[in-house]
Protein backbone atom coordinates (compact mmCIF):
# COMPACT_ATOMS: atom_id res chain seq x y z
CA MET A 1 0.10 -0.22 -0.02
CA SER A 2 2.44 2.75 1.21
CA GLN A 3 4.11 1.53 -2.57
CA ASN A 4 1.14 2.85 -4.47
CA ILE A 5 1.33 5.96 -2.17
CA ASN A 6 5.09 6.63 -3.02
CA TYR A 7 4.61 5.71 -7.12
CA THR A 8 1.62 8.31 -6.88
CA THR A 9 3.67 10.80 -5.35
CA ASN A 10 6.02 10.76 -7.20
CA PHE A 11 3.57 10.37 -10.73
CA ILE A 12 2.30 13.52 -9.88
CA GLN A 13 5.32 15.22 -9.23
CA LYS A 14 6.77 14.36 -12.17
CA ILE A 15 3.96 15.96 -14.01
CA ILE A 16 3.95 18.87 -12.11
CA LEU A 17 7.58 19.45 -13.24
CA LYS A 18 6.94 18.37 -16.94
CA TYR A 19 4.38 20.97 -17.40
CA GLY A 20 4.48 23.10 -14.59
CA ILE A 21 6.46 25.98 -16.87
CA ALA A 22 3.61 25.47 -19.91
CA PHE A 23 1.43 26.06 -17.28
CA LEU A 24 2.82 29.32 -16.06
CA PHE A 25 3.19 30.59 -19.49
CA ILE A 26 -0.29 30.08 -20.11
CA LEU A 27 -1.29 31.79 -16.86
CA ILE A 28 1.12 34.38 -17.66
CA SER A 29 -0.38 35.28 -21.37
CA THR A 30 -3.69 35.26 -20.31
CA SER A 31 -3.43 37.86 -17.68
CA TYR A 32 -1.94 40.37 -19.39
CA PHE A 33 -3.97 39.87 -22.64
CA SER A 34 -7.31 40.56 -20.22
CA THR A 35 -5.14 43.71 -19.13
CA PHE A 36 -4.90 44.37 -22.96
CA SER A 37 -8.19 43.95 -23.71
CA PHE A 38 -9.54 45.81 -20.46
CA GLY A 39 -7.13 48.60 -21.41
CA GLN A 40 -8.31 48.78 -25.07
CA GLY A 41 -12.18 49.11 -23.69
CA GLU A 42 -11.11 52.04 -21.73
CA ASN A 43 -9.43 53.88 -24.83
CA GLN A 44 -11.21 53.50 -27.56
CA MET A 45 -9.67 54.84 -30.99
CA VAL A 46 -11.29 57.91 -32.62
CA ARG A 47 -11.11 60.10 -35.66
CA PHE A 48 -10.15 63.60 -34.29
CA SER A 49 -11.75 66.10 -37.33
CA GLY A 50 -12.18 69.78 -36.91
CA LEU A 51 -12.15 73.27 -38.66
CA VAL A 52 -9.57 76.55 -37.55
CA VAL A 53 -11.28 79.40 -38.06
CA GLU A 54 -9.59 83.23 -36.69
CA GLY A 55 -11.83 84.94 -34.27
CA ASP A 56 -15.20 85.85 -35.63
CA SER A 57 -13.35 85.17 -39.24
CA SER A 58 -15.55 82.37 -41.30
CA TYR A 59 -12.82 81.90 -43.44
CA GLY A 60 -10.94 78.62 -42.39
CA VAL A 61 -6.97 78.89 -41.50
CA SER A 62 -4.18 77.00 -43.59
CA GLY A 63 -1.30 75.60 -42.29
CA VAL A 64 -1.78 74.89 -38.99
CA HIS A 65 0.01 72.50 -37.17
CA ILE A 66 -2.15 69.98 -35.08
CA TYR A 67 -0.10 67.48 -33.11
CA ILE A 68 -0.46 64.68 -30.33
CA PRO A 69 3.16 64.28 -28.55
CA ARG A 70 2.31 60.89 -26.62
CA ALA A 71 1.50 59.41 -29.87
CA GLY A 72 4.44 61.02 -31.69
CA ARG A 73 2.23 62.20 -34.92
CA GLY A 74 -0.04 64.92 -36.52
CA GLY A 75 -1.03 67.09 -39.39
CA VAL A 76 -1.77 70.26 -40.85
CA THR A 77 -5.12 71.60 -41.70
CA ASN A 78 -5.65 72.35 -46.19
CA ALA A 79 -6.13 75.21 -48.02
CA LEU A 80 -10.06 75.77 -45.96
CA GLY A 81 -8.68 75.06 -42.70
CA TYR A 82 -9.80 71.87 -42.49
CA PHE A 83 -8.10 68.71 -40.74
CA THR A 84 -8.39 64.89 -39.58
CA ILE A 85 -6.25 62.55 -37.70
CA PRO A 86 -6.35 59.46 -35.81
CA ALA A 87 -6.45 59.84 -31.81
CA MET A 88 -7.18 57.65 -28.70
CA GLU A 89 -9.59 58.64 -26.20
CA GLY A 90 -7.80 61.62 -23.09
CA ASP A 91 -5.01 62.57 -26.33
CA THR A 92 -4.14 66.03 -25.60
CA VAL A 93 -3.80 67.51 -28.86
CA MET A 94 -1.34 70.89 -29.97
CA VAL A 95 -2.31 73.29 -31.99
CA SER A 96 0.01 76.22 -33.04
CA ALA A 97 0.65 78.24 -35.70
CA VAL A 98 2.67 81.00 -36.25
CA GLY A 99 1.52 84.67 -35.26
CA TYR A 100 -1.47 82.83 -33.04
CA LYS A 101 -1.46 81.33 -29.33
CA SER A 102 -0.88 77.69 -29.07
CA SER A 103 -3.78 76.40 -27.57
CA GLN A 104 -4.38 72.29 -26.42
CA ILE A 105 -8.03 70.00 -26.98
CA VAL A 106 -8.28 66.96 -24.54
CA ILE A 107 -10.05 63.81 -26.70
CA PRO A 108 -13.06 63.08 -23.73
CA LYS A 109 -14.12 59.79 -23.78
CA ARG A 110 -17.40 59.55 -24.82
CA GLY A 111 -17.13 55.85 -26.66
CA GLU A 112 -18.01 57.39 -30.25
CA SER A 113 -15.41 56.60 -32.97
CA LEU A 114 -15.98 60.67 -34.16
CA TYR A 115 -14.91 63.50 -32.48
CA SER A 116 -15.84 67.10 -34.53
CA VAL A 117 -14.00 70.63 -32.90
CA LEU A 118 -14.39 73.94 -34.20
CA ILE A 119 -10.95 75.68 -32.96
CA ASP A 120 -10.90 79.93 -32.49
CA LEU A 121 -7.12 81.07 -32.93
CA LYS A 122 -6.40 84.06 -31.03
CA GLU A 123 -3.26 86.51 -32.22
CA ASP A 124 0.17 86.60 -30.80
CA VAL A 125 0.43 89.43 -31.60
CA LYS A 126 4.15 90.80 -30.40
CA MET A 127 5.96 93.89 -31.21
CA LEU A 128 9.75 94.51 -31.85
CA ASN A 129 11.58 97.32 -31.11
CA GLU A 130 13.01 99.80 -33.84
CA VAL A 131 15.72 99.09 -35.75
CA VAL A 132 17.43 102.25 -37.79
CA ILE A 133 19.92 101.38 -40.11
CA LEU A 134 22.64 103.61 -40.75
CA PRO A 135 25.09 103.40 -43.75
CA TYR A 136 28.29 104.91 -42.19
CA ALA A 137 29.52 104.23 -38.57
CA ASN A 138 29.21 107.59 -36.57
CA ALA A 139 26.97 110.62 -36.62
CA ALA A 140 30.48 112.21 -37.47
CA GLU A 141 30.50 110.44 -40.36
CA PHE A 142 27.72 110.98 -42.21
CA LYS A 143 28.26 115.25 -41.55
CA ASP A 144 31.34 114.90 -43.04
CA MET A 145 30.28 112.96 -45.83
CA VAL A 146 26.76 115.25 -46.85
CA LEU A 147 29.30 118.41 -46.40
CA ALA A 148 31.40 116.43 -49.13
CA MET A 149 28.77 116.03 -51.56
CA ASP A 150 28.78 117.79 -54.71
CA THR A 151 24.87 119.06 -55.65
CA SER A 152 25.49 120.33 -59.24
CA ASP A 153 23.59 119.21 -61.67
CA PRO A 154 23.27 119.57 -64.89
CA LEU A 155 19.72 119.41 -65.85
CA ILE A 156 19.08 121.95 -62.97
CA ASP A 157 21.66 124.57 -64.78
CA GLN A 158 19.71 124.31 -68.38
CA MET A 159 16.26 125.06 -66.39
CA LYS A 160 17.74 127.78 -64.72
CA GLU A 161 18.91 128.92 -68.08
CA ASN A 162 15.67 128.32 -69.77
CA LEU A 163 13.57 130.18 -67.09
CA ASN A 164 15.55 133.24 -67.45
CA ASN A 165 13.67 136.27 -67.42
CA GLU A 166 15.46 137.87 -70.25
CA LYS A 167 15.51 134.77 -72.51
CA LEU A 168 11.70 134.52 -72.24
CA ASN A 169 10.74 137.79 -72.94
CA GLN A 170 12.88 137.62 -76.10
CA MET A 171 11.16 134.49 -76.50
CA ALA A 172 7.89 135.93 -76.44
CA ALA A 173 8.42 138.45 -78.47
CA ASN A 174 9.84 136.19 -81.64
CA MET A 175 6.71 134.21 -81.63
CA PRO A 176 4.79 134.10 -84.24
CA MET A 177 1.16 134.84 -84.58
CA ASN A 178 -0.77 131.60 -83.72
CA ALA A 179 -4.03 130.30 -85.78
CA ASN A 180 -6.36 132.26 -83.00
CA SER A 181 -4.26 134.98 -83.09
CA ASN A 182 -5.04 135.26 -86.75
CA TYR A 183 -8.91 134.92 -86.66
CA ARG A 184 -8.80 138.11 -84.19
CA TYR A 185 -6.68 140.40 -85.93
CA LEU A 186 -8.83 139.58 -89.32
CA MET A 187 -11.85 140.10 -87.91
CA GLN A 188 -10.67 143.47 -86.46
CA GLN A 189 -9.21 144.48 -89.86
CA ASN A 190 -13.07 143.98 -90.97
CA LEU A 191 -14.39 145.61 -88.19
CA ASN A 192 -12.93 148.44 -88.58
CA ALA A 193 -13.20 148.46 -92.88
CA ARG A 194 -17.00 148.39 -92.20
CA ASN A 195 -16.89 150.63 -89.91
CA ASN A 196 -14.74 153.31 -92.15
CA LYS A 197 -16.93 152.22 -95.16
CA PHE A 198 -18.71 155.52 -95.46
CA PHE A 199 -15.72 158.14 -94.31
CA ALA A 200 -13.21 159.77 -96.24
CA PRO A 201 -9.84 158.08 -95.13
CA SER A 202 -7.63 160.26 -93.13
CA ILE A 203 -4.38 161.29 -93.87
CA PRO A 204 -1.84 160.57 -91.16
CA LEU A 205 0.50 162.73 -92.30
CA LEU A 206 -2.27 165.62 -90.77
CA ASN A 207 -2.99 163.27 -87.34
CA PRO A 208 -1.00 164.61 -84.42
CA PHE A 209 -1.89 160.98 -82.29
CA ALA A 210 0.06 159.59 -85.15
CA TRP A 211 2.50 161.93 -85.00
CA SER A 212 3.08 161.16 -80.96
CA LYS A 213 2.87 157.75 -81.55
CA PHE A 214 5.70 157.99 -84.13
CA ILE A 215 7.94 160.14 -82.43
CA LYS A 216 7.64 157.62 -79.12
CA SER A 217 8.26 154.24 -81.18
CA ILE A 218 11.44 156.43 -82.26
CA ARG A 219 12.12 157.15 -78.27
CA ASP A 220 11.91 153.47 -77.51
CA LYS A 221 13.84 151.85 -80.81
CA ASP A 222 11.10 150.28 -81.58
CA TYR A 223 12.59 150.27 -85.04
CA LYS A 224 15.10 147.74 -83.96
CA LYS A 225 13.10 144.98 -83.14
CA PRO A 226 12.61 141.94 -85.29
CA LEU A 227 8.75 142.47 -87.05
CA ARG A 228 5.74 139.69 -86.20
CA THR A 229 5.90 137.52 -88.92
CA THR A 230 1.71 136.15 -89.75
CA THR A 231 1.54 131.84 -90.47
CA GLY A 232 0.11 130.97 -93.39
CA GLY A 233 -3.20 130.75 -91.02
CA SER A 234 -3.96 133.91 -91.77
CA SER A 235 -4.91 133.06 -95.46
CA GLY A 236 -6.65 130.01 -94.51
CA GLY A 237 -9.01 132.34 -92.62
CA ASN A 238 -9.14 134.77 -95.08
């Protein structure tokens, strides 16, 4: 009887030694997969999407970075300001763009596969100090350069010569009559002829006013001035 008991005990010990390692491996694997399944059921994967706008504007902002630090992935908004990325419930999403304040969004645990938001960015205005760029090392060097500057300009000298009063008067005296002047002269001659039609022609030699005008012209040396010439416009008007 005692031999049978010893045989049974030895047999059980052999079974335990032979299959104990495999049993322990199965137990650990079962515990690990149970924990992983429980964790997956607690944090579900969702498709995170949304539209990024600026202030009260309804237009989207393009080029905004959407990044999940824990997962190491992210994306950027398209030309319309829209984005979509995969994420897990409970993830913290960083939203950043140049010229705007950064913000964070936490994916809530709702048990749904889709989550969409409307992100309103705030401008981050930074005033920079004024920077004056000068081509000279100091003010003294700049002053010396200004004092040594050559301000003469051939065009300015030519303009001063053309605007000289004496030259302008000479050009005005030698300027021929234009079409308007010829027309007025012709009309005046016709008017004088019509007014003097029934009068005998006067002799200028007996007119004291004519002699006075003649003497005055001699004193003023009008005979040295060039005579004005009429253009062909007078013949056309006649």
